[in-house]
Amino acid sequence: MKEQISRWIGWILVADLFVVLAAFGWFMAAVLGQSMNLNLGLDLWYSLWNPLILPAISVLMAGAIASGVMSWITKKLSAKDAGV
């Protein structure tokens, strides 16, 4: 059960990573377009910052921290069980 939950969390974090990378790519293209006086959706990107992009970044960071903590706890518990 723990492995299945861990696997699902991993897949969610991978999907979230692609959302964050796509948002970053869109931002870079929109800023570049803005500098060339092309409208590539920078205003739309800004309007999506609070409801979509910021939470995606926050979930990615929280997931990375939680994954590290779970790995550390698992390592400590397995070392304790081994008697080290």
N, C-alpha and C. Protein backbone atom coordinates (compact mmCIF):
# COMPACT_ATOMS: atom_id res chain seq x y z
N MET A 1 0.82 -1.19 0.00
CA MET A 1 0.00 0.00 0.00
C MET A 1 0.86 1.26 0.00
N LYS A 2 1.91 1.25 0.85
CA LYS A 2 2.79 2.41 0.93
C LYS A 2 3.50 2.66 -0.40
N GLU A 3 3.91 1.55 -1.07
CA GLU A 3 4.59 1.71 -2.35
C GLU A 3 3.67 2.25 -3.42
N GLN A 4 2.40 1.80 -3.40
CA GLN A 4 1.45 2.27 -4.39
C GLN A 4 1.15 3.77 -4.19
N ILE A 5 0.99 4.18 -2.95
CA ILE A 5 0.76 5.61 -2.68
C ILE A 5 1.98 6.42 -3.09
N SER A 6 3.15 5.89 -2.79
CA SER A 6 4.39 6.57 -3.16
C SER A 6 4.51 6.69 -4.68
N ARG A 7 4.11 5.64 -5.38
CA ARG A 7 4.16 5.66 -6.85
C ARG A 7 3.20 6.70 -7.41
N TRP A 8 1.99 6.77 -6.85
CA TRP A 8 1.01 7.77 -7.31
C TRP A 8 1.49 9.19 -7.04
N ILE A 9 2.06 9.39 -5.88
CA ILE A 9 2.60 10.72 -5.56
C ILE A 9 3.72 11.07 -6.53
N GLY A 10 4.56 10.10 -6.85
CA GLY A 10 5.63 10.33 -7.81
C GLY A 10 5.11 10.72 -9.18
N TRP A 11 4.06 10.04 -9.64
CA TRP A 11 3.48 10.39 -10.94
C TRP A 11 2.85 11.77 -10.92
N ILE A 12 2.19 12.12 -9.83
CA ILE A 12 1.60 13.45 -9.71
C ILE A 12 2.69 14.52 -9.74
N LEU A 13 3.79 14.26 -9.06
CA LEU A 13 4.89 15.24 -9.04
C LEU A 13 5.54 15.35 -10.41
N VAL A 14 5.65 14.25 -11.15
CA VAL A 14 6.21 14.32 -12.51
C VAL A 14 5.30 15.15 -13.41
N ALA A 15 3.98 14.91 -13.33
CA ALA A 15 3.04 15.70 -14.13
C ALA A 15 3.11 17.18 -13.73
N ASP A 16 3.22 17.43 -12.44
CA ASP A 16 3.32 18.81 -11.95
C ASP A 16 4.60 19.47 -12.44
N LEU A 17 5.68 18.70 -12.49
CA LEU A 17 6.94 19.25 -13.00
C LEU A 17 6.77 19.70 -14.45
N PHE A 18 6.08 18.91 -15.26
CA PHE A 18 5.87 19.30 -16.65
C PHE A 18 4.98 20.54 -16.76
N VAL A 19 4.01 20.69 -15.88
CA VAL A 19 3.19 21.90 -15.86
C VAL A 19 4.05 23.11 -15.53
N VAL A 20 4.91 22.97 -14.54
CA VAL A 20 5.78 24.08 -14.14
C VAL A 20 6.77 24.43 -15.27
N LEU A 21 7.35 23.41 -15.89
CA LEU A 21 8.28 23.66 -17.00
C LEU A 21 7.58 24.30 -18.20
N ALA A 22 6.36 23.85 -18.49
CA ALA A 22 5.60 24.46 -19.59
C ALA A 22 5.28 25.92 -19.27
N ALA A 23 4.91 26.21 -18.03
CA ALA A 23 4.63 27.59 -17.63
C ALA A 23 5.87 28.45 -17.74
N PHE A 24 7.03 27.88 -17.38
CA PHE A 24 8.27 28.63 -17.50
C PHE A 24 8.61 28.90 -18.97
N GLY A 25 8.43 27.89 -19.80
CA GLY A 25 8.67 28.08 -21.24
C GLY A 25 7.75 29.12 -21.84
N TRP A 26 6.48 29.09 -21.44
CA TRP A 26 5.52 30.08 -21.92
C TRP A 26 5.93 31.47 -21.45
N PHE A 27 6.35 31.59 -20.20
CA PHE A 27 6.77 32.88 -19.67
C PHE A 27 7.97 33.42 -20.46
N MET A 28 8.95 32.56 -20.70
CA MET A 28 10.13 33.01 -21.45
C MET A 28 9.76 33.44 -22.87
N ALA A 29 8.91 32.67 -23.53
CA ALA A 29 8.48 33.04 -24.88
C ALA A 29 7.69 34.34 -24.87
N ALA A 30 6.82 34.51 -23.86
CA ALA A 30 6.00 35.72 -23.78
C ALA A 30 6.85 36.95 -23.50
N VAL A 31 7.84 36.81 -22.64
CA VAL A 31 8.73 37.95 -22.35
C VAL A 31 9.55 38.30 -23.59
N LEU A 32 10.05 37.29 -24.27
CA LEU A 32 10.79 37.53 -25.51
C LEU A 32 9.90 38.19 -26.55
N GLY A 33 8.67 37.70 -26.67
CA GLY A 33 7.73 38.31 -27.60
C GLY A 33 7.39 39.74 -27.22
N GLN A 34 7.26 40.00 -25.93
CA GLN A 34 6.97 41.36 -25.46
C GLN A 34 8.10 42.31 -25.84
N SER A 35 9.33 41.81 -25.77
CA SER A 35 10.47 42.68 -26.12
C SER A 35 10.51 42.97 -27.62
N MET A 36 9.85 42.12 -28.42
CA MET A 36 9.77 42.34 -29.88
C MET A 36 8.40 42.89 -30.29
N ASN A 37 7.64 43.38 -29.31
CA ASN A 37 6.31 43.93 -29.53
C ASN A 37 5.34 42.92 -30.14
N LEU A 38 5.46 41.64 -29.74
CA LEU A 38 4.52 40.60 -30.13
C LEU A 38 3.72 40.19 -28.91
N ASN A 39 2.43 39.99 -29.10
CA ASN A 39 1.59 39.58 -27.98
C ASN A 39 1.56 38.04 -27.96
N LEU A 40 2.31 37.44 -27.05
CA LEU A 40 2.33 35.99 -26.91
C LEU A 40 1.68 35.53 -25.61
N GLY A 41 0.85 36.37 -25.03
CA GLY A 41 0.06 35.98 -23.88
C GLY A 41 0.67 36.27 -22.53
N LEU A 42 1.50 37.28 -22.43
CA LEU A 42 2.10 37.62 -21.14
C LEU A 42 1.04 38.07 -20.14
N ASP A 43 0.06 38.83 -20.60
CA ASP A 43 -1.02 39.26 -19.68
C ASP A 43 -1.83 38.06 -19.20
N LEU A 44 -2.09 37.11 -20.08
CA LEU A 44 -2.80 35.90 -19.67
C LEU A 44 -1.96 35.09 -18.68
N TRP A 45 -0.65 35.03 -18.94
CA TRP A 45 0.24 34.31 -18.02
C TRP A 45 0.20 34.95 -16.64
N TYR A 46 0.26 36.27 -16.60
CA TYR A 46 0.17 36.97 -15.31
C TYR A 46 -1.16 36.70 -14.61
N SER A 47 -2.24 36.64 -15.37
CA SER A 47 -3.54 36.39 -14.75
C SER A 47 -3.65 34.95 -14.22
N LEU A 48 -2.86 34.02 -14.76
CA LEU A 48 -2.85 32.64 -14.29
C LEU A 48 -1.82 32.38 -13.20
N TRP A 49 -1.04 33.37 -12.85
CA TRP A 49 0.02 33.18 -11.86
C TRP A 49 -0.52 32.71 -10.51
N ASN A 50 -1.46 33.47 -9.92
CA ASN A 50 -1.98 33.11 -8.60
C ASN A 50 -2.86 31.86 -8.59
N PRO A 51 -3.79 31.70 -9.53
CA PRO A 51 -4.66 30.53 -9.41
C PRO A 51 -4.08 29.22 -9.93
N LEU A 52 -3.03 29.26 -10.76
CA LEU A 52 -2.55 28.01 -11.36
C LEU A 52 -1.06 27.78 -11.18
N ILE A 53 -0.24 28.73 -11.54
CA ILE A 53 1.20 28.51 -11.62
C ILE A 53 1.84 28.49 -10.23
N LEU A 54 1.50 29.43 -9.39
CA LEU A 54 2.05 29.47 -8.03
C LEU A 54 1.70 28.22 -7.22
N PRO A 55 0.44 27.76 -7.25
CA PRO A 55 0.16 26.49 -6.54
C PRO A 55 0.92 25.29 -7.13
N ALA A 56 1.11 25.27 -8.44
CA ALA A 56 1.86 24.16 -9.05
C ALA A 56 3.30 24.16 -8.56
N ILE A 57 3.90 25.32 -8.48
CA ILE A 57 5.27 25.42 -7.96
C ILE A 57 5.31 25.01 -6.49
N SER A 58 4.31 25.44 -5.73
CA SER A 58 4.26 25.10 -4.30
C SER A 58 4.09 23.61 -4.08
N VAL A 59 3.24 22.95 -4.86
CA VAL A 59 3.05 21.50 -4.75
C VAL A 59 4.35 20.78 -5.10
N LEU A 60 5.04 21.25 -6.13
CA LEU A 60 6.30 20.63 -6.52
C LEU A 60 7.35 20.75 -5.41
N MET A 61 7.45 21.92 -4.81
CA MET A 61 8.41 22.11 -3.73
C MET A 61 8.04 21.29 -2.50
N ALA A 62 6.76 21.28 -2.13
CA ALA A 62 6.31 20.51 -0.97
C ALA A 62 6.52 19.02 -1.21
N GLY A 63 6.26 18.57 -2.42
CA GLY A 63 6.47 17.16 -2.74
C GLY A 63 7.93 16.76 -2.68
N ALA A 64 8.80 17.63 -3.15
CA ALA A 64 10.24 17.34 -3.09
C ALA A 64 10.71 17.27 -1.64
N ILE A 65 10.24 18.19 -0.83
CA ILE A 65 10.62 18.17 0.59
C ILE A 65 10.06 16.93 1.28
N ALA A 66 8.80 16.62 1.02
CA ALA A 66 8.18 15.43 1.63
C ALA A 66 8.87 14.16 1.19
N SER A 67 9.25 14.09 -0.05
CA SER A 67 9.96 12.91 -0.56
C SER A 67 11.31 12.75 0.13
N GLY A 68 12.02 13.83 0.30
CA GLY A 68 13.30 13.79 1.00
C GLY A 68 13.15 13.37 2.45
N VAL A 69 12.13 13.91 3.12
CA VAL A 69 11.89 13.56 4.52
C VAL A 69 11.50 12.09 4.65
N MET A 70 10.63 11.60 3.76
CA MET A 70 10.23 10.19 3.79
C MET A 70 11.43 9.27 3.54
N SER A 71 12.28 9.66 2.61
CA SER A 71 13.48 8.87 2.33
C SER A 71 14.40 8.83 3.55
N TRP A 72 14.57 9.97 4.20
CA TRP A 72 15.44 10.05 5.37
C TRP A 72 14.88 9.19 6.51
N ILE A 73 13.56 9.28 6.73
CA ILE A 73 12.94 8.49 7.79
C ILE A 73 13.05 7.00 7.49
N THR A 74 12.82 6.62 6.24
CA THR A 74 12.93 5.21 5.86
C THR A 74 14.35 4.70 6.07
N LYS A 75 15.32 5.53 5.72
CA LYS A 75 16.72 5.14 5.89
C LYS A 75 17.06 4.99 7.37
N LYS A 76 16.58 5.91 8.20
CA LYS A 76 16.85 5.83 9.64
C LYS A 76 16.19 4.60 10.26
N LEU A 77 14.95 4.31 9.86
CA LEU A 77 14.25 3.16 10.40
C LEU A 77 14.89 1.84 9.96
N SER A 78 15.36 1.77 8.73
CA SER A 78 15.99 0.54 8.26
C SER A 78 17.35 0.35 8.93
N ALA A 79 18.05 1.44 9.23
CA ALA A 79 19.32 1.34 9.94
C ALA A 79 19.08 0.91 11.38
N LYS A 80 18.00 1.38 11.98
CA LYS A 80 17.65 1.01 13.34
C LYS A 80 17.27 -0.47 13.42
N ASP A 81 16.53 -0.95 12.41
CA ASP A 81 16.14 -2.35 12.37
C ASP A 81 17.35 -3.26 12.15
N ALA A 82 18.35 -2.77 11.42
CA ALA A 82 19.54 -3.56 11.15
C ALA A 82 20.48 -3.57 12.36
N GLY A 83 20.24 -2.69 13.32
CA GLY A 83 21.04 -2.65 14.53
C GLY A 83 22.31 -1.82 14.39
N VAL A 84 22.33 -0.93 13.43
CA VAL A 84 23.51 -0.09 13.22
C VAL A 84 23.44 1.16 14.05
